[in-house]
Amino acid sequence: MNLTQILSTAVSREASDVHLKAGIVPVIRKHGMLRPLDESLQPLSPETLHKMAFDILDETQKKTLDSTGAVDIGYGIAGLGRFRVNIFKQRGTLRMVMRLIPHDVPDIDQINVPAVIKKLALESERGLVLVTGMTGSGKSTTLAAMVNYINQHRNRHIVMIEDPIEFLIRDYKCIISQVELGTDAVTYPQALKNSLRQDPDIILIGEMRDLETVDTAMTAAETGHLVFSTLHTTDAIETINRILSVYPAHQHQQIRYQLAAVLKAIISQRLITRPDGKGFVPAVEVLINSGRVKELILAGGKAKEMQEALETGRTAYGMQSFDQSLMELIAKNLITYEAALQASSNPKDFAVRFSGIKGHDAVNWVNKDGKTADNRIWDQIQELELQTNLSHINKKGPKKK
């Protein structure tokens, strides 16, 4: 079975990823679970895998693989689709991991994100919009959907800088320029600086990886551009701290002023398994840079204060915390209570609110019903702690002698 046949079979089986490793048969990931593509196949040999990899690399990419031990590329097969490919060295052989990219650009109305995200895409003229989450949380899908929506409703020049290009977006009402690292530019900072001389209205940066990229992105937003980018952070509060952390400590207050001025919104995502186990639904936290949020960024506000601003800004600004998002997904029967509890930022607090008990900051929460908490909830929490060893649940350590 050649690479095209492997990928064709993976697409037909609705896989999200394909793993190719010497010594085993091809493996796919479907609905979050790894499984053999076909157990009747022969394990891949190192020679076969090497040929598969080198057949899709150009000379520059081969040199990158040789010098750094890994290379990322975009790979397309006519009539089949596009794939984001990572080829890397391990134990003296090559490995390939391929992410399947849907053929159609995502429709913002079909990806289960809050309405405020559509509003941000339609109305934002300048500033910094960040989409964050762990690997595989749907960041690229959300960004592509926002760009696609802008392309349908606004007249702008959008420069997209990606590593590699994932979704191919055609011009509609906008002019779309898609720049790929390794092919069209060497680094994000270089491509970003080049883009500022290309009359852009909107700039999308695939990922803010280092200080130079963060700094240039902030400057671009400061000079009147709308900038979209991603970070591998779990929520809005961690995102603000991550941006500060790339700068020397003596610059932090200056960066707080700059961030408070340019930040438009932080959208953070986690994918939750559907009740039938077939696919995922995004739980989405949205922080809008309101007047109160600006104050907290400038003052270095505590996490609790920022969380309260986030949760109480729902009606006026469309903000929502992860736990508020999870509560709504339960109410819509899109996820189970157990899945929500495991994904929650604060499982104990979430369980109490789910039971219907109103806490001091339970503003604009969607409660399940008017029932009070019972021992079943606390038993579930304790069991969850034992099963998952959730690090973010506060536990008291042994008393010091």
Protein backbone atom coordinates (compact mmCIF):
# COMPACT_ATOMS: atom_id res chain seq x y z
CA MET A 1 0.00 0.00 0.00
CA ASN A 2 1.53 3.33 -1.06
CA LEU A 3 1.10 6.69 0.67
CA THR A 4 -1.83 7.80 -1.49
CA GLN A 5 -3.67 4.55 -0.78
CA ILE A 6 -3.01 4.88 2.96
CA LEU A 7 -4.33 8.42 3.02
CA SER A 8 -7.32 7.57 0.83
CA THR A 9 -8.31 4.79 3.22
CA ALA A 10 -7.82 7.08 6.22
CA VAL A 11 -10.06 9.74 4.66
CA SER A 12 -12.76 7.17 3.88
CA ARG A 13 -12.70 6.07 7.53
CA GLU A 14 -13.03 9.66 8.78
CA ALA A 15 -9.68 9.61 10.58
CA SER A 16 -8.20 12.83 11.93
CA ASP A 17 -4.55 11.71 11.90
CA VAL A 18 -2.32 9.06 10.36
CA HIS A 19 0.81 7.67 12.09
CA LEU A 20 3.48 5.93 10.02
CA LYS A 21 6.28 4.16 11.90
CA ALA A 22 8.76 1.50 10.85
CA GLY A 23 7.96 -1.92 12.27
CA ILE A 24 4.18 -1.48 12.61
CA VAL A 25 1.20 -1.16 10.28
CA PRO A 26 -0.17 2.34 9.59
CA VAL A 27 -2.21 3.68 12.52
CA ILE A 28 -5.07 6.19 12.39
CA ARG A 29 -6.70 8.33 15.06
CA LYS A 30 -10.50 8.39 14.93
CA HIS A 31 -12.68 10.16 17.50
CA GLY A 32 -9.59 10.52 19.68
CA MET A 33 -8.66 6.81 19.68
CA LEU A 34 -5.67 5.20 17.95
CA ARG A 35 -6.33 2.05 15.93
CA PRO A 36 -4.65 0.10 13.08
CA LEU A 37 -5.63 1.23 9.60
CA ASP A 38 -5.79 -2.40 8.50
CA GLU A 39 -4.35 -5.24 10.58
CA SER A 40 -3.93 -7.39 7.47
CA LEU A 41 -1.26 -5.03 6.12
CA GLN A 42 2.45 -5.74 6.43
CA PRO A 43 4.39 -3.57 8.91
CA LEU A 44 6.20 -0.68 7.25
CA SER A 45 9.92 -1.17 6.67
CA PRO A 46 12.41 1.65 7.34
CA GLU A 47 13.21 1.74 3.62
CA THR A 48 9.54 2.05 2.61
CA LEU A 49 8.95 4.83 5.12
CA HIS A 50 12.08 6.69 4.01
CA LYS A 51 10.90 6.57 0.38
CA MET A 52 7.39 7.77 1.33
CA ALA A 53 8.85 10.72 3.21
CA PHE A 54 11.45 11.75 0.63
CA ASP A 55 8.96 11.47 -2.24
CA ILE A 56 6.96 14.40 -0.81
CA LEU A 57 9.90 16.60 0.30
CA ASP A 58 11.75 19.11 -1.85
CA GLU A 59 15.50 19.62 -1.52
CA THR A 60 15.19 22.49 0.97
CA GLN A 61 12.86 20.45 3.17
CA LYS A 62 15.22 17.46 3.06
CA LYS A 63 18.06 19.70 4.26
CA THR A 64 15.85 21.02 7.08
CA LEU A 65 15.02 17.46 8.14
CA ASP A 66 18.70 16.51 8.05
CA SER A 67 19.88 19.55 10.04
CA THR A 68 17.08 19.87 12.61
CA GLY A 69 15.69 16.35 12.84
CA ALA A 70 12.16 17.38 11.84
CA VAL A 71 10.24 19.24 9.16
CA ASP A 72 6.63 20.46 8.78
CA ILE A 73 5.01 20.62 5.36
CA GLY A 74 1.63 20.96 3.73
CA TYR A 75 0.83 18.16 1.30
CA GLY A 76 -2.09 17.90 -1.10
CA ILE A 77 -3.47 15.12 -3.28
CA ALA A 78 -5.83 16.17 -6.06
CA GLY A 79 -9.34 14.87 -5.50
CA LEU A 80 -8.49 13.65 -1.99
CA GLY A 81 -7.50 16.55 0.24
CA ARG A 82 -4.75 18.37 2.09
CA PHE A 83 -2.62 17.16 4.96
CA ARG A 84 -0.38 18.81 7.53
CA VAL A 85 2.68 16.58 7.73
CA ASN A 86 5.40 16.33 10.37
CA ILE A 87 8.36 14.13 9.47
CA PHE A 88 10.93 13.51 12.19
CA LYS A 89 13.80 11.24 13.15
CA GLN A 90 13.55 8.68 15.93
CA ARG A 91 15.80 5.73 16.79
CA GLY A 92 17.66 6.02 13.52
CA THR A 93 14.55 5.89 11.33
CA LEU A 94 11.94 8.34 10.10
CA ARG A 95 8.42 8.82 11.48
CA MET A 96 5.52 10.57 9.79
CA VAL A 97 2.42 12.04 11.42
CA MET A 98 -0.20 13.45 9.06
CA ARG A 99 -3.19 15.58 10.10
CA LEU A 100 -6.12 15.48 7.68
CA ILE A 101 -7.38 18.95 6.77
CA PRO A 102 -11.01 19.12 5.62
CA HIS A 103 -11.39 20.03 1.96
CA ASP A 104 -13.96 22.74 2.67
CA VAL A 105 -13.06 25.84 4.66
CA PRO A 106 -15.03 25.69 7.95
CA ASP A 107 -18.34 27.56 8.18
CA ILE A 108 -18.44 29.64 11.36
CA ASP A 109 -22.10 28.70 11.86
CA GLN A 110 -21.28 24.98 11.82
CA ILE A 111 -18.45 24.72 14.37
CA ASN A 112 -20.41 25.39 17.59
CA VAL A 113 -18.64 28.57 18.70
CA PRO A 114 -20.30 31.50 20.54
CA ALA A 115 -21.99 34.23 18.49
CA VAL A 116 -19.52 36.81 19.82
CA ILE A 117 -16.79 35.21 17.68
CA LYS A 118 -18.75 36.02 14.53
CA LYS A 119 -19.20 39.57 15.87
CA LEU A 120 -15.42 39.87 16.39
CA ALA A 121 -14.78 38.76 12.81
CA LEU A 122 -17.37 41.11 11.36
CA GLU A 123 -16.76 44.28 13.38
CA SER A 124 -13.10 44.33 14.50
CA GLU A 125 -11.03 46.93 12.64
CA ARG A 126 -7.76 46.78 14.58
CA GLY A 127 -6.17 45.10 17.57
CA LEU A 128 -4.96 41.64 18.58
CA VAL A 129 -7.25 38.59 18.62
CA LEU A 130 -5.72 35.41 20.03
CA VAL A 131 -7.07 31.87 19.67
CA THR A 132 -5.49 29.56 22.22
CA GLY A 133 -5.56 25.94 23.32
CA MET A 134 -3.52 22.79 23.40
CA THR A 135 -2.47 20.90 20.26
CA GLY A 136 -5.54 19.51 18.51
CA SER A 137 -8.02 21.83 20.22
CA GLY A 138 -9.36 23.29 16.96
CA LYS A 139 -7.46 26.59 16.87
CA SER A 140 -6.76 26.39 13.13
CA THR A 141 -10.39 25.51 12.42
CA THR A 142 -11.71 28.51 14.36
CA LEU A 143 -9.24 30.91 12.75
CA ALA A 144 -10.01 29.61 9.25
CA ALA A 145 -13.74 29.96 9.94
CA MET A 146 -13.26 33.58 11.08
CA VAL A 147 -11.18 34.43 8.00
CA ASN A 148 -13.73 32.72 5.78
CA TYR A 149 -16.53 34.77 7.38
CA ILE A 150 -14.56 38.01 6.88
CA ASN A 151 -13.95 36.98 3.26
CA GLN A 152 -17.71 36.61 2.73
CA HIS A 153 -18.75 39.91 4.32
CA ARG A 154 -15.90 42.44 4.24
CA ASN A 155 -13.59 44.08 1.69
CA ARG A 156 -10.06 43.63 3.04
CA HIS A 157 -6.55 42.44 2.19
CA ILE A 158 -5.73 39.49 4.46
CA VAL A 159 -2.15 38.21 4.74
CA MET A 160 -2.01 34.72 6.27
CA ILE A 161 1.41 33.48 7.46
CA GLU A 162 1.36 29.75 8.24
CA ASP A 163 3.69 26.81 8.90
CA PRO A 164 2.47 25.07 6.81
CA ILE A 165 -0.59 26.42 4.96
CA GLU A 166 -3.59 24.33 5.97
CA PHE A 167 -6.86 25.52 4.45
CA LEU A 168 -6.65 26.97 0.94
CA ILE A 169 -8.92 30.04 0.94
CA ARG A 170 -10.00 31.60 -2.34
CA ASP A 171 -10.60 35.32 -2.81
CA TYR A 172 -14.23 36.34 -2.53
CA LYS A 173 -14.83 39.84 -1.17
CA CYS A 174 -11.28 39.94 0.18
CA ILE A 175 -7.85 39.52 -1.36
CA ILE A 176 -6.20 36.58 0.43
CA SER A 177 -2.39 36.25 0.44
CA GLN A 178 -1.20 32.94 1.96
CA VAL A 179 2.49 32.82 2.88
CA GLU A 180 4.07 29.50 3.85
CA LEU A 181 7.22 29.28 5.97
CA GLY A 182 9.98 27.33 4.28
CA THR A 183 8.57 28.08 0.84
CA ASP A 184 7.70 31.79 0.79
CA ALA A 185 9.56 32.99 3.90
CA VAL A 186 12.11 31.66 6.37
CA THR A 187 10.71 32.75 9.74
CA TYR A 188 7.54 34.21 11.24
CA PRO A 189 9.25 37.51 12.21
CA GLN A 190 10.63 37.93 8.68
CA ALA A 191 7.28 37.13 7.04
CA LEU A 192 5.45 39.42 9.47
CA LYS A 193 7.79 42.34 8.81
CA ASN A 194 7.44 41.76 5.07
CA SER A 195 3.64 41.74 5.37
CA LEU A 196 3.63 45.24 6.86
CA ARG A 197 4.91 46.53 3.50
CA GLN A 198 2.16 44.73 1.56
CA ASP A 199 -0.77 47.04 2.38
CA PRO A 200 -2.52 44.55 4.71
CA ASP A 201 -5.73 45.24 6.61
CA ILE A 202 -5.65 41.93 8.47
CA ILE A 203 -2.66 39.74 9.32
CA LEU A 204 -2.93 36.15 10.50
CA ILE A 205 0.15 34.64 12.16
CA GLY A 206 -0.07 30.86 12.50
CA GLU A 207 1.67 30.86 15.89
CA MET A 208 3.48 33.34 18.13
CA ARG A 209 6.53 31.27 19.05
CA ASP A 210 9.08 33.78 20.30
CA LEU A 211 9.66 37.30 21.60
CA GLU A 212 10.38 38.78 18.15
CA THR A 213 7.11 37.45 16.70
CA VAL A 214 5.08 38.57 19.73
CA ASP A 215 6.70 42.00 19.66
CA THR A 216 6.15 42.52 15.93
CA ALA A 217 2.53 41.31 16.18
CA MET A 218 1.84 43.75 19.02
CA THR A 219 3.40 46.58 16.99
CA ALA A 220 1.32 45.66 13.94
CA ALA A 221 -1.85 45.77 16.04
CA GLU A 222 -0.71 49.05 17.58
CA THR A 223 -0.27 50.66 14.15
CA GLY A 224 -3.86 50.00 13.08
CA HIS A 225 -3.93 46.44 11.75
CA LEU A 226 -6.20 43.62 12.87
CA VAL A 227 -3.93 40.74 13.89
CA PHE A 228 -5.00 37.14 14.51
CA SER A 229 -2.69 34.54 16.03
CA THR A 230 -2.51 31.47 18.27
CA LEU A 231 -0.77 30.41 21.46
CA HIS A 232 -0.50 27.03 23.15
CA THR A 233 -2.11 28.21 26.39
CA THR A 234 -5.09 26.75 28.22
CA ASP A 235 -7.11 29.87 29.04
CA ALA A 236 -7.20 33.67 28.89
CA ILE A 237 -5.39 34.27 32.17
CA GLU A 238 -2.51 31.96 31.24
CA THR A 239 -2.34 33.65 27.82
CA ILE A 240 -1.77 37.09 29.34
CA ASN A 241 0.90 35.65 31.63
CA ARG A 242 2.57 33.83 28.71
CA ILE A 243 2.86 37.03 26.67
CA LEU A 244 4.44 38.82 29.63
CA SER A 245 6.81 35.91 30.28
CA VAL A 246 8.55 36.20 26.89
CA TYR A 247 9.80 39.67 27.84
CA PRO A 248 12.48 40.53 30.44
CA ALA A 249 11.02 41.34 33.86
CA HIS A 250 12.01 45.01 33.68
CA GLN A 251 9.75 45.44 30.62
CA HIS A 252 6.62 43.87 32.10
CA GLN A 253 4.87 47.10 33.07
CA GLN A 254 5.54 48.62 29.65
CA ILE A 255 4.15 45.47 27.99
CA ARG A 256 1.08 45.61 30.24
CA TYR A 257 0.34 49.10 28.87
CA GLN A 258 0.88 47.93 25.29
CA LEU A 259 -1.21 44.77 25.73
CA ALA A 260 -4.04 46.66 27.43
CA ALA A 261 -4.09 49.03 24.45
CA VAL A 262 -4.01 46.48 21.59
CA LEU A 263 -5.73 43.36 22.92
CA LYS A 264 -9.15 42.80 21.39
CA ALA A 265 -10.06 39.33 22.61
CA ILE A 266 -8.72 35.96 23.75
CA ILE A 267 -10.61 32.89 22.57
CA SER A 268 -9.55 29.66 24.32
CA GLN A 269 -10.77 26.20 23.34
CA ARG A 270 -10.97 22.64 24.64
CA LEU A 271 -12.51 19.78 22.67
CA ILE A 272 -15.02 17.63 24.57
CA THR A 273 -16.11 14.18 23.38
CA ARG A 274 -19.74 13.93 22.27
CA PRO A 275 -22.04 11.57 24.24
CA ASP A 276 -22.01 8.99 21.41
CA GLY A 277 -18.20 9.08 21.27
CA LYS A 278 -18.31 10.19 17.63
CA GLY A 279 -16.51 13.48 17.36
CA PHE A 280 -15.96 16.48 19.59
CA VAL A 281 -17.61 19.74 20.58
CA PRO A 282 -15.54 22.82 21.50
CA ALA A 283 -15.93 24.36 24.93
CA VAL A 284 -14.94 27.99 24.38
CA GLU A 285 -13.80 30.66 26.82
CA VAL A 286 -14.02 34.23 25.50
CA LEU A 287 -12.33 37.21 27.16
CA ILE A 288 -13.14 40.61 25.65
CA ASN A 289 -10.84 43.51 26.54
CA SER A 290 -13.48 45.55 28.36
CA GLY A 291 -12.73 48.56 30.53
CA ARG A 292 -12.53 46.35 33.61
CA VAL A 293 -10.22 43.86 31.88
CA LYS A 294 -7.93 46.72 30.77
CA GLU A 295 -7.71 47.89 34.39
CA LEU A 296 -6.76 44.41 35.57
CA ILE A 297 -4.12 43.97 32.85
CA LEU A 298 -2.54 47.32 33.76
CA ALA A 299 -2.65 46.67 37.49
CA GLY A 300 -1.50 43.05 37.27
CA GLY A 301 -4.82 41.93 38.73
CA LYS A 302 -5.14 38.62 40.50
CA ALA A 303 -6.42 35.58 38.62
CA LYS A 304 -9.60 35.55 40.73
CA GLU A 305 -10.40 39.16 39.77
CA MET A 306 -9.85 38.44 36.07
CA GLN A 307 -12.04 35.34 36.33
CA GLU A 308 -14.83 37.36 37.93
CA ALA A 309 -14.57 40.01 35.19
CA LEU A 310 -14.77 37.25 32.60
CA GLU A 311 -17.82 35.55 34.13
CA THR A 312 -19.77 38.74 34.85
CA GLY A 313 -19.12 40.22 31.39
CA ARG A 314 -21.44 37.82 29.63
CA THR A 315 -24.50 40.02 29.08
CA ALA A 316 -22.69 43.24 28.18
CA TYR A 317 -19.79 41.85 26.14
CA GLY A 318 -20.52 38.21 25.29
CA MET A 319 -17.71 36.92 27.49
CA GLN A 320 -17.87 33.45 29.00
CA SER A 321 -15.65 31.18 31.06
CA PHE A 322 -14.94 27.55 30.23
CA ASP A 323 -17.29 26.39 32.96
CA GLN A 324 -20.10 28.61 31.67
CA SER A 325 -19.54 27.16 28.19
CA LEU A 326 -19.61 23.62 29.56
CA MET A 327 -22.88 24.31 31.38
CA GLU A 328 -24.50 25.46 28.14
CA LEU A 329 -23.22 22.43 26.24
CA ILE A 330 -24.81 20.16 28.86
CA ALA A 331 -28.09 22.07 28.62
CA LYS A 332 -28.05 21.52 24.83
CA ASN A 333 -27.30 17.78 25.32
CA LEU A 334 -24.09 18.14 23.32
CA ILE A 335 -21.90 16.70 26.11
CA THR A 336 -22.43 14.72 29.31
CA TYR A 337 -22.08 16.03 32.84
CA GLU A 338 -19.21 13.59 33.46
CA ALA A 339 -17.27 14.82 30.41
CA ALA A 340 -17.87 18.43 31.44
CA LEU A 341 -16.70 17.77 35.00
CA GLN A 342 -13.46 16.25 33.76
CA ALA A 343 -12.82 19.20 31.39
CA SER A 344 -13.81 21.89 33.88
CA SER A 345 -11.29 24.41 35.16
CA ASN A 346 -12.69 24.09 38.69
CA PRO A 347 -14.48 20.72 39.07
CA LYS A 348 -15.62 21.25 42.67
CA ASP A 349 -17.06 24.68 41.91
CA PHE A 350 -18.59 23.38 38.69
CA ALA A 351 -20.33 20.52 40.51
CA VAL A 352 -21.87 22.89 43.06
CA ARG A 353 -23.13 25.25 40.36
CA PHE A 354 -24.45 22.38 38.28
CA SER A 355 -26.52 21.25 41.26
CA GLY A 356 -28.31 24.61 41.30
CA ILE A 357 -26.63 26.19 44.32
CA LYS A 358 -25.80 29.84 43.65
CA GLY A 359 -22.42 30.99 44.85
CA HIS A 360 -21.20 34.55 45.38
CA ASP A 361 -20.04 34.85 41.78
CA ALA A 362 -22.65 32.70 40.03
CA VAL A 363 -23.72 35.48 37.66
CA ASN A 364 -25.33 34.58 34.32
CA TRP A 365 -24.74 30.86 34.81
CA VAL A 366 -26.99 28.34 33.12
CA ASN A 367 -28.01 26.07 35.99
CA LYS A 368 -29.33 22.58 35.30
CA ASP A 369 -32.24 22.82 37.77
CA GLY A 370 -33.08 23.91 41.31
CA LYS A 371 -31.80 20.79 43.07
CA THR A 372 -29.34 21.05 45.93
CA ALA A 373 -25.98 19.31 45.94
CA ASP A 374 -25.97 15.77 47.29
CA ASN A 375 -23.40 13.19 48.23
CA ARG A 376 -23.46 11.77 44.69
CA ILE A 377 -21.77 14.91 43.34
CA TRP A 378 -18.99 14.84 45.91
CA ASP A 379 -18.47 11.10 45.36
CA GLN A 380 -18.07 11.79 41.64
CA ILE A 381 -15.54 14.52 42.32
CA GLN A 382 -13.48 12.29 44.61
CA GLU A 383 -13.56 9.47 42.07
CA LEU A 384 -12.54 11.88 39.30
CA GLU A 385 -9.62 13.12 41.38
CA LEU A 386 -8.39 9.57 41.88
CA GLN A 387 -8.84 8.61 38.23
CA THR A 388 -7.32 11.64 36.55
CA ASN A 389 -5.07 13.11 39.25
CA LEU A 390 -6.25 16.60 38.34
CA SER A 391 -3.40 18.90 39.21
CA HIS A 392 -5.54 22.03 39.30
CA ILE A 393 -7.71 20.84 42.23
CA ASN A 394 -6.39 22.27 45.48
CA LYS A 395 -5.29 19.55 47.84
CA LYS A 396 -3.85 19.94 51.33
CA GLY A 397 -0.49 18.30 51.76
CA PRO A 398 0.66 16.44 54.86
CA LYS A 399 1.15 18.56 57.92
CA LYS A 400 4.73 19.50 58.65
CA LYS A 401 6.08 18.17 61.89
